[in-house]
Protein backbone atom coordinates (compact mmCIF):
# COMPACT_ATOMS: atom_id res chain seq x y z
CA ALA A 1 154.11 94.66 262.06
CA ILE A 2 156.74 97.41 262.37
CA TYR A 3 155.06 99.53 259.70
CA PHE A 4 151.65 99.10 261.35
CA ALA A 5 153.00 99.92 264.81
CA THR A 6 154.78 103.04 263.50
CA TYR A 7 151.67 104.16 261.62
CA VAL A 8 149.45 103.73 264.66
CA ARG A 9 151.95 105.52 266.92
CA TYR A 10 152.01 108.63 264.73
CA CYS A 11 148.43 108.57 263.45
CA PRO A 12 146.63 111.66 264.76
CA PRO A 13 143.73 110.97 267.12
CA GLY A 14 140.42 111.06 265.28
CA ALA A 15 142.11 110.78 261.86
CA THR A 16 139.49 110.91 259.11
CA HIS A 17 141.67 109.61 256.28
CA LEU A 18 141.31 105.98 257.39
CA PRO A 19 138.58 103.61 256.31
CA GLY A 20 137.34 103.11 259.88
CA THR A 21 139.21 103.84 263.08
CA VAL A 22 142.60 102.68 264.30
CA THR A 23 140.72 100.39 266.69
CA ASN A 24 138.90 98.83 263.71
CA HIS A 25 142.28 98.11 262.16
CA TYR A 26 143.57 96.50 265.35
CA LEU A 27 140.46 94.33 265.58
CA GLY A 28 140.69 93.36 261.92
CA ALA A 29 144.35 92.37 262.25
CA ALA A 30 143.60 90.36 265.41
CA ALA A 31 140.65 88.61 263.74
CA PHE A 32 142.81 87.73 260.73
CA LEU A 33 145.58 86.33 262.92
CA CYS A 34 143.04 84.29 264.91
CA ALA A 35 141.56 82.91 261.69
CA VAL A 36 145.02 81.89 260.43
CA ALA A 37 145.81 80.22 263.77
CA ALA A 38 142.46 78.41 263.81
CA ALA A 39 142.90 77.16 260.24
CA SER A 40 146.49 76.11 260.90
CA LEU A 41 145.68 74.27 264.11
CA GLY A 42 142.19 72.96 263.35
CA LEU A 43 142.34 71.74 259.76
CA PRO A 44 144.31 68.99 258.06
CA GLU A 45 147.55 70.32 256.58
CA ASP A 46 146.41 70.42 252.94
CA GLN A 47 143.14 72.19 253.79
CA ALA A 48 144.93 74.61 256.13
CA ALA A 49 147.39 75.48 253.37
CA THR A 50 144.52 76.23 250.99
CA VAL A 51 142.59 78.35 253.51
CA VAL A 52 145.66 80.30 254.66
CA GLY A 53 146.79 80.75 251.04
CA LEU A 54 143.41 82.17 250.03
CA MET A 55 143.34 84.46 253.07
CA GLY A 56 146.83 85.71 252.21
CA ASN A 57 145.74 86.38 248.63
CA VAL A 58 142.75 88.41 249.82
CA ILE A 59 144.95 90.49 252.12
CA VAL A 60 147.60 91.15 249.47
CA LEU A 61 144.97 92.16 246.91
CA VAL A 62 143.48 94.62 249.41
CA MET A 63 147.00 95.93 250.04
CA PHE A 64 147.60 96.43 246.31
CA GLY A 65 144.35 98.41 246.15
CA GLY A 66 145.63 100.93 248.72
CA PRO A 67 147.30 103.27 246.23
CA LEU A 68 144.07 103.39 244.22
CA ALA A 69 142.69 105.70 246.92
CA ALA A 70 145.23 108.31 245.82
CA MET A 71 144.13 108.02 242.18
CA LYS A 72 141.11 110.26 242.77
CA GLN A 73 143.42 113.06 243.92
CA VAL A 74 145.83 112.40 241.04
CA ILE A 75 143.01 112.67 238.49
CA GLN A 76 141.47 115.77 240.11
CA THR A 77 144.76 117.67 240.45
CA LYS A 78 146.38 116.21 237.32
CA SER A 79 149.48 115.71 239.46
CA THR A 80 151.16 112.56 240.72
CA ALA A 81 152.38 114.30 243.89
CA ALA A 82 150.10 112.04 245.96
CA LEU A 83 151.88 108.92 244.67
CA ALA A 84 155.30 107.87 245.95
CA LEU A 85 157.41 106.89 242.92
CA PRO A 86 159.98 104.84 244.90
CA VAL A 87 157.18 102.77 246.47
CA ALA A 88 155.55 102.25 243.07
CA ILE A 89 158.85 101.13 241.52
CA ALA A 90 159.63 98.82 244.45
CA THR A 91 156.15 97.27 244.24
CA VAL A 92 156.41 96.61 240.50
CA VAL A 93 159.90 95.10 240.82
CA ASN A 94 158.95 92.99 243.85
CA CYS A 95 155.72 91.73 242.33
CA SER A 96 157.36 91.01 238.99
CA LEU A 97 160.05 88.92 240.67
CA TRP A 98 157.51 86.98 242.76
CA THR A 99 155.30 86.45 239.71
CA THR A 100 158.24 85.06 237.76
CA TYR A 101 159.32 82.85 240.66
CA GLY A 102 155.79 81.60 241.29
CA ALA A 103 155.12 80.86 237.63
CA THR A 104 158.47 79.33 236.66
CA VAL A 105 159.90 77.72 239.79
CA THR A 106 156.97 76.64 241.95
CA GLY A 107 154.00 76.84 239.60
CA ASP A 108 152.03 77.97 242.66
CA PRO A 109 149.05 80.18 241.80
CA TYR A 110 148.97 81.45 245.40
CA ILE A 111 152.29 83.14 244.57
CA TRP A 112 152.05 84.16 240.92
CA PHE A 113 148.37 85.21 240.73
CA PRO A 114 148.21 88.00 243.34
CA ASN A 115 151.69 89.23 242.51
CA GLY A 116 150.81 89.32 238.81
CA ILE A 117 147.94 91.64 239.67
CA GLY A 118 150.25 93.80 241.82
CA ALA A 119 152.83 94.08 239.05
């Protein structure tokens, strides 16, 4: 939430680098939160856990795809200047740890599967 709020605060009006507008992003986030609330409050606990888990997996996979947008520039310029190395390292370490935890401690595919893709 802090990252999103900071991004929106400093995003130039009429930015063309976004897929959609800032308003589209607000509406998407609000719709996602409403869907999570509806599933949590309106479904039995086991079904709600499945629905919310799948929704979380979809969101995290979309998030992991974000850096792929920079790959076009990296390939065209033959330079990795568009990629942030500290973020890439942090993502690999974080996802590797969550994959290990999910696979060895909980055995929960909602944890190990998306993080395995992100690692």
